[in-house]
């Protein structure tokens, strides 16, 4: 099962990612080029992470997995909140982090995308 350290490490591995605490000290907000792609209280039990998602896929994931729900305090059409409680495959959670990052980077100017080395080769 993924730990808070695993989630934090994966987010920070993505090019250009910063971790900020704009809302409260215990809520990590991961951004790329100033745009949020993940929010998590790394000390929460169970660990939860909110991630951006393409709307159709977001609905499909919610219908398939009880650990994935509409984004908590976020636009429920574009965000999911994921309980990282061991009920989901680790690979799925990691892919959701990457997909969230990719959705945000896809909306950035081409020059910024190029600086980030996106899309990956």
N, C-alpha and C. Protein backbone atom coordinates (compact mmCIF):
# COMPACT_ATOMS: atom_id res chain seq x y z
N UNK A 1 0.85 -1.18 0.00
CA UNK A 1 0.00 0.00 0.00
C UNK A 1 0.89 1.24 0.00
N UNK A 2 0.50 2.23 -0.78
CA UNK A 2 1.25 3.48 -0.85
C UNK A 2 1.20 4.22 0.48
N UNK A 3 2.32 4.81 0.83
CA UNK A 3 2.39 5.64 2.03
C UNK A 3 2.31 7.11 1.63
N UNK A 4 2.16 7.96 2.62
CA UNK A 4 2.18 9.40 2.37
C UNK A 4 3.50 9.81 1.73
N UNK A 5 4.59 9.21 2.19
CA UNK A 5 5.91 9.52 1.62
C UNK A 5 5.98 9.12 0.14
N UNK A 6 5.38 7.98 -0.20
CA UNK A 6 5.35 7.53 -1.60
C UNK A 6 4.59 8.53 -2.48
N UNK A 7 3.44 8.97 -2.00
CA UNK A 7 2.61 9.92 -2.75
C UNK A 7 3.35 11.23 -2.93
N UNK A 8 3.91 11.74 -1.87
CA UNK A 8 4.67 13.00 -1.93
C UNK A 8 5.85 12.87 -2.89
N UNK A 9 6.58 11.78 -2.80
CA UNK A 9 7.74 11.56 -3.66
C UNK A 9 7.33 11.52 -5.13
N UNK A 10 6.23 10.81 -5.42
CA UNK A 10 5.78 10.71 -6.82
C UNK A 10 5.39 12.08 -7.36
N UNK A 11 4.67 12.85 -6.58
CA UNK A 11 4.27 14.19 -7.03
C UNK A 11 5.51 15.04 -7.31
N UNK A 12 6.47 15.02 -6.39
CA UNK A 12 7.65 15.87 -6.53
C UNK A 12 8.61 15.40 -7.62
N UNK A 13 8.49 14.15 -8.06
CA UNK A 13 9.32 13.64 -9.16
C UNK A 13 8.91 14.23 -10.51
N UNK A 14 7.69 14.68 -10.61
CA UNK A 14 7.19 15.19 -11.90
C UNK A 14 7.82 16.55 -12.18
N UNK A 15 8.30 16.76 -13.40
CA UNK A 15 9.06 17.98 -13.73
C UNK A 15 8.32 19.28 -13.38
N UNK A 16 9.05 20.18 -12.72
CA UNK A 16 8.52 21.51 -12.41
C UNK A 16 7.57 21.57 -11.24
N UNK A 17 7.41 20.47 -10.52
CA UNK A 17 6.46 20.43 -9.41
C UNK A 17 7.01 21.14 -8.17
N UNK A 18 6.12 21.90 -7.53
CA UNK A 18 6.42 22.50 -6.24
C UNK A 18 5.37 22.05 -5.23
N UNK A 19 5.76 22.04 -3.97
CA UNK A 19 4.82 21.74 -2.89
C UNK A 19 4.63 23.01 -2.09
N UNK A 20 3.38 23.40 -1.91
CA UNK A 20 3.05 24.62 -1.18
C UNK A 20 2.00 24.31 -0.12
N UNK A 21 1.82 25.25 0.78
CA UNK A 21 0.86 25.08 1.89
C UNK A 21 0.01 26.35 2.01
N UNK A 22 -0.77 26.69 0.97
CA UNK A 22 -1.51 27.95 0.98
C UNK A 22 -2.75 27.97 1.87
N UNK A 23 -3.27 26.81 2.22
CA UNK A 23 -4.53 26.76 2.97
C UNK A 23 -4.31 26.52 4.46
N UNK A 24 -3.47 25.55 4.77
CA UNK A 24 -3.11 25.26 6.16
C UNK A 24 -1.84 24.41 6.15
N UNK A 25 -1.09 24.43 7.23
CA UNK A 25 0.23 23.79 7.24
C UNK A 25 0.22 22.29 6.94
N UNK A 26 -0.87 21.61 7.27
CA UNK A 26 -0.90 20.16 7.07
C UNK A 26 -1.48 19.73 5.72
N UNK A 27 -1.84 20.68 4.86
CA UNK A 27 -2.41 20.35 3.55
C UNK A 27 -1.41 20.68 2.45
N UNK A 28 -0.79 19.64 1.90
CA UNK A 28 0.16 19.81 0.81
C UNK A 28 -0.58 20.05 -0.49
N UNK A 29 -0.17 21.09 -1.21
CA UNK A 29 -0.74 21.41 -2.51
C UNK A 29 0.41 21.32 -3.52
N UNK A 30 0.27 20.40 -4.48
CA UNK A 30 1.30 20.20 -5.48
C UNK A 30 0.89 20.93 -6.75
N UNK A 31 1.83 21.76 -7.24
CA UNK A 31 1.55 22.61 -8.40
C UNK A 31 2.63 22.43 -9.46
N UNK A 32 2.23 22.69 -10.70
CA UNK A 32 3.18 22.79 -11.79
C UNK A 32 2.89 24.12 -12.47
N UNK A 33 3.91 24.94 -12.60
CA UNK A 33 3.79 26.27 -13.19
C UNK A 33 2.64 27.06 -12.55
N UNK A 34 2.52 26.93 -11.23
CA UNK A 34 1.52 27.68 -10.48
C UNK A 34 0.12 27.11 -10.51
N UNK A 35 -0.09 25.98 -11.19
CA UNK A 35 -1.41 25.36 -11.31
C UNK A 35 -1.47 24.09 -10.48
N UNK A 36 -2.53 23.93 -9.71
CA UNK A 36 -2.70 22.79 -8.81
C UNK A 36 -3.03 21.52 -9.60
N UNK A 37 -2.34 20.42 -9.24
CA UNK A 37 -2.72 19.12 -9.81
C UNK A 37 -2.99 18.07 -8.72
N UNK A 38 -2.62 18.36 -7.47
CA UNK A 38 -2.88 17.41 -6.39
C UNK A 38 -2.93 18.13 -5.05
N UNK A 39 -3.83 17.67 -4.19
CA UNK A 39 -3.95 18.19 -2.82
C UNK A 39 -4.07 17.00 -1.89
N UNK A 40 -3.33 17.04 -0.78
CA UNK A 40 -3.42 15.95 0.17
C UNK A 40 -2.97 16.39 1.55
N UNK A 41 -3.66 15.89 2.54
CA UNK A 41 -3.21 16.02 3.91
C UNK A 41 -2.36 14.79 4.20
N UNK A 42 -1.05 14.93 4.09
CA UNK A 42 -0.17 13.77 4.16
C UNK A 42 -0.20 13.07 5.52
N UNK A 43 -0.75 13.74 6.53
CA UNK A 43 -0.84 13.10 7.85
C UNK A 43 -2.23 12.52 8.12
N UNK A 44 -3.13 12.57 7.14
CA UNK A 44 -4.49 12.04 7.31
C UNK A 44 -4.47 10.52 7.33
N UNK A 45 -5.38 9.94 8.07
CA UNK A 45 -5.59 8.50 8.06
C UNK A 45 -7.07 8.25 7.89
N UNK A 46 -7.55 7.57 6.88
CA UNK A 46 -6.71 7.09 5.78
C UNK A 46 -6.22 8.27 4.93
N UNK A 47 -5.11 8.02 4.26
CA UNK A 47 -4.55 9.02 3.36
C UNK A 47 -5.54 9.26 2.22
N UNK A 48 -5.76 10.53 1.91
CA UNK A 48 -6.62 10.91 0.77
C UNK A 48 -5.87 11.90 -0.08
N UNK A 49 -6.08 11.79 -1.39
CA UNK A 49 -5.48 12.73 -2.33
C UNK A 49 -6.54 13.13 -3.35
N UNK A 50 -6.62 14.43 -3.61
CA UNK A 50 -7.54 14.94 -4.62
C UNK A 50 -6.75 15.22 -5.89
N UNK A 51 -7.29 14.72 -7.01
CA UNK A 51 -6.59 14.78 -8.29
C UNK A 51 -7.53 15.22 -9.40
N UNK A 52 -7.00 15.98 -10.32
CA UNK A 52 -7.76 16.40 -11.49
C UNK A 52 -7.96 15.19 -12.40
N UNK A 53 -9.09 15.16 -13.09
CA UNK A 53 -9.40 14.01 -13.94
C UNK A 53 -10.32 14.46 -15.08
N UNK A 54 -10.17 13.85 -16.22
CA UNK A 54 -11.07 14.11 -17.35
C UNK A 54 -12.47 13.69 -16.90
N UNK A 55 -13.49 14.53 -17.13
CA UNK A 55 -14.82 14.28 -16.56
C UNK A 55 -15.43 12.90 -16.82
N UNK A 56 -15.35 12.41 -18.03
CA UNK A 56 -15.92 11.08 -18.33
C UNK A 56 -15.21 9.98 -17.57
N UNK A 57 -13.90 10.06 -17.51
CA UNK A 57 -13.12 9.07 -16.77
C UNK A 57 -13.38 9.19 -15.27
N UNK A 58 -13.54 10.42 -14.80
CA UNK A 58 -13.82 10.63 -13.37
C UNK A 58 -15.09 9.88 -12.96
N UNK A 59 -16.12 10.00 -13.76
CA UNK A 59 -17.38 9.30 -13.46
C UNK A 59 -17.21 7.78 -13.52
N UNK A 60 -16.47 7.31 -14.51
CA UNK A 60 -16.23 5.88 -14.67
C UNK A 60 -15.46 5.32 -13.46
N UNK A 61 -14.44 6.04 -13.02
CA UNK A 61 -13.66 5.59 -11.87
C UNK A 61 -14.51 5.56 -10.61
N UNK A 62 -15.36 6.56 -10.42
CA UNK A 62 -16.23 6.60 -9.24
C UNK A 62 -17.21 5.45 -9.25
N UNK A 63 -17.70 5.09 -10.43
CA UNK A 63 -18.66 3.99 -10.55
C UNK A 63 -18.00 2.63 -10.31
N UNK A 64 -16.70 2.56 -10.57
CA UNK A 64 -15.97 1.30 -10.46
C UNK A 64 -15.38 1.07 -9.08
N UNK A 65 -14.90 2.12 -8.44
CA UNK A 65 -14.17 1.99 -7.17
C UNK A 65 -14.81 2.83 -6.08
N UNK A 66 -15.16 2.20 -4.98
CA UNK A 66 -15.79 2.94 -3.87
C UNK A 66 -14.80 3.88 -3.19
N UNK A 67 -13.51 3.67 -3.37
CA UNK A 67 -12.50 4.53 -2.75
C UNK A 67 -12.27 5.82 -3.54
N UNK A 68 -12.95 5.97 -4.68
CA UNK A 68 -12.83 7.19 -5.49
C UNK A 68 -14.17 7.89 -5.48
N UNK A 69 -14.15 9.14 -5.01
CA UNK A 69 -15.38 9.93 -4.89
C UNK A 69 -15.19 11.30 -5.53
N UNK A 70 -16.27 12.02 -5.74
CA UNK A 70 -16.14 13.39 -6.28
C UNK A 70 -15.22 14.22 -5.40
N UNK A 71 -14.49 15.14 -6.00
CA UNK A 71 -13.52 15.97 -5.29
C UNK A 71 -14.10 16.68 -4.10
N UNK A 72 -13.46 16.54 -2.97
CA UNK A 72 -13.88 17.17 -1.73
C UNK A 72 -13.55 18.66 -1.78
N UNK A 73 -14.56 19.50 -1.70
CA UNK A 73 -14.42 20.97 -1.77
C UNK A 73 -13.79 21.43 -3.09
N UNK A 74 -14.02 20.68 -4.15
CA UNK A 74 -13.47 21.01 -5.47
C UNK A 74 -14.55 20.84 -6.51
N UNK A 75 -14.27 21.27 -7.73
CA UNK A 75 -15.20 21.09 -8.84
C UNK A 75 -15.38 19.59 -9.07
N UNK A 76 -16.54 19.09 -8.74
CA UNK A 76 -16.78 17.64 -8.76
C UNK A 76 -16.79 17.05 -10.17
N UNK A 77 -16.90 17.89 -11.16
CA UNK A 77 -16.85 17.40 -12.54
C UNK A 77 -15.42 17.06 -12.94
N UNK A 78 -14.46 17.80 -12.43
CA UNK A 78 -13.07 17.67 -12.86
C UNK A 78 -12.13 17.09 -11.81
N UNK A 79 -12.60 16.86 -10.60
CA UNK A 79 -11.72 16.40 -9.52
C UNK A 79 -12.30 15.18 -8.82
N UNK A 80 -11.41 14.25 -8.48
CA UNK A 80 -11.75 13.09 -7.65
C UNK A 80 -10.93 13.16 -6.37
N UNK A 81 -11.51 12.67 -5.29
CA UNK A 81 -10.77 12.45 -4.06
C UNK A 81 -10.64 10.94 -3.89
N UNK A 82 -9.40 10.51 -3.72
CA UNK A 82 -9.07 9.08 -3.69
C UNK A 82 -8.63 8.70 -2.28
N UNK A 83 -9.28 7.69 -1.70
CA UNK A 83 -8.83 7.14 -0.43
C UNK A 83 -7.72 6.14 -0.73
N UNK A 84 -6.54 6.41 -0.22
CA UNK A 84 -5.40 5.51 -0.41
C UNK A 84 -5.36 4.60 0.81
N UNK A 85 -6.25 3.62 0.79
CA UNK A 85 -6.46 2.75 1.96
C UNK A 85 -6.12 1.29 1.68
N UNK A 86 -5.49 1.04 0.53
CA UNK A 86 -5.12 -0.33 0.17
C UNK A 86 -6.15 -1.02 -0.68
N UNK A 87 -7.32 -0.42 -0.87
CA UNK A 87 -8.35 -1.06 -1.68
C UNK A 87 -8.14 -0.87 -3.18
N UNK A 88 -7.29 0.09 -3.55
CA UNK A 88 -6.97 0.34 -4.96
C UNK A 88 -5.56 -0.15 -5.24
N UNK A 89 -5.32 -0.63 -6.45
CA UNK A 89 -3.94 -0.97 -6.80
C UNK A 89 -3.06 0.28 -6.74
N UNK A 90 -1.86 0.14 -6.18
CA UNK A 90 -0.93 1.27 -6.10
C UNK A 90 -0.71 1.88 -7.47
N UNK A 91 -0.56 1.05 -8.49
CA UNK A 91 -0.29 1.52 -9.85
C UNK A 91 -1.41 2.45 -10.32
N UNK A 92 -2.66 2.15 -9.99
CA UNK A 92 -3.78 3.00 -10.39
C UNK A 92 -3.65 4.38 -9.76
N UNK A 93 -3.33 4.44 -8.49
CA UNK A 93 -3.19 5.73 -7.80
C UNK A 93 -2.05 6.53 -8.43
N UNK A 94 -0.93 5.87 -8.69
CA UNK A 94 0.22 6.55 -9.30
C UNK A 94 -0.12 7.06 -10.70
N UNK A 95 -0.87 6.26 -11.46
CA UNK A 95 -1.31 6.69 -12.80
C UNK A 95 -2.25 7.88 -12.72
N UNK A 96 -3.12 7.89 -11.70
CA UNK A 96 -4.03 9.02 -11.53
C UNK A 96 -3.26 10.30 -11.21
N UNK A 97 -2.18 10.19 -10.42
CA UNK A 97 -1.33 11.35 -10.14
C UNK A 97 -0.72 11.87 -11.44
N UNK A 98 -0.17 10.96 -12.24
CA UNK A 98 0.44 11.34 -13.51
C UNK A 98 -0.58 11.94 -14.47
N UNK A 99 -1.77 11.35 -14.52
CA UNK A 99 -2.82 11.87 -15.40
C UNK A 99 -3.24 13.28 -14.99
N UNK A 100 -3.34 13.52 -13.69
CA UNK A 100 -3.70 14.84 -13.19
C UNK A 100 -2.65 15.86 -13.61
N UNK A 101 -1.40 15.51 -13.41
CA UNK A 101 -0.28 16.37 -13.82
C UNK A 101 -0.36 16.66 -15.33
N UNK A 102 -0.56 15.61 -16.12
CA UNK A 102 -0.62 15.76 -17.58
C UNK A 102 -1.78 16.66 -18.01
N UNK A 103 -2.93 16.54 -17.35
CA UNK A 103 -4.07 17.41 -17.69
C UNK A 103 -3.73 18.87 -17.45
N UNK A 104 -3.07 19.15 -16.35
CA UNK A 104 -2.70 20.53 -16.03
C UNK A 104 -1.65 21.04 -17.01
N UNK A 105 -0.62 20.24 -17.26
CA UNK A 105 0.44 20.67 -18.18
C UNK A 105 -0.11 20.87 -19.59
N UNK A 106 -1.06 20.06 -20.00
CA UNK A 106 -1.66 20.20 -21.34
C UNK A 106 -2.31 21.55 -21.53
N UNK A 107 -2.73 22.19 -20.44
CA UNK A 107 -3.36 23.50 -20.52
C UNK A 107 -2.39 24.66 -20.42
N UNK A 108 -1.11 24.36 -20.26
CA UNK A 108 -0.10 25.42 -20.16
C UNK A 108 0.38 25.83 -21.55
N UNK A 109 0.95 27.01 -21.67
CA UNK A 109 1.48 27.44 -22.97
C UNK A 109 2.55 26.46 -23.48
N UNK A 110 2.63 26.34 -24.80
CA UNK A 110 3.57 25.39 -25.44
C UNK A 110 5.01 25.63 -24.98
N UNK A 111 5.38 26.88 -24.78
CA UNK A 111 6.74 27.20 -24.34
C UNK A 111 7.02 26.58 -22.96
N UNK A 112 6.05 26.68 -22.07
CA UNK A 112 6.20 26.12 -20.73
C UNK A 112 6.23 24.59 -20.81
N UNK A 113 5.37 24.03 -21.65
CA UNK A 113 5.37 22.58 -21.85
C UNK A 113 6.75 22.11 -22.30
N UNK A 114 7.33 22.82 -23.25
CA UNK A 114 8.66 22.45 -23.76
C UNK A 114 9.71 22.53 -22.65
N UNK A 115 9.62 23.57 -21.81
CA UNK A 115 10.57 23.71 -20.70
C UNK A 115 10.47 22.54 -19.72
N UNK A 116 9.27 21.99 -19.60
CA UNK A 116 9.04 20.87 -18.70
C UNK A 116 9.37 19.52 -19.35
N UNK A 117 9.72 19.56 -20.66
CA UNK A 117 10.00 18.32 -21.36
C UNK A 117 8.75 17.51 -21.62
N UNK A 118 7.66 18.20 -21.86
CA UNK A 118 6.36 17.55 -22.04
C UNK A 118 5.89 17.77 -23.47
N UNK A 119 5.27 16.80 -24.10
CA UNK A 119 5.00 15.47 -23.54
C UNK A 119 6.26 14.64 -23.49
N UNK A 120 6.27 13.66 -22.56
CA UNK A 120 7.45 12.80 -22.45
C UNK A 120 7.65 12.02 -23.75
N UNK A 121 8.89 11.72 -24.02
CA UNK A 121 9.23 10.97 -25.25
C UNK A 121 8.77 9.54 -25.16
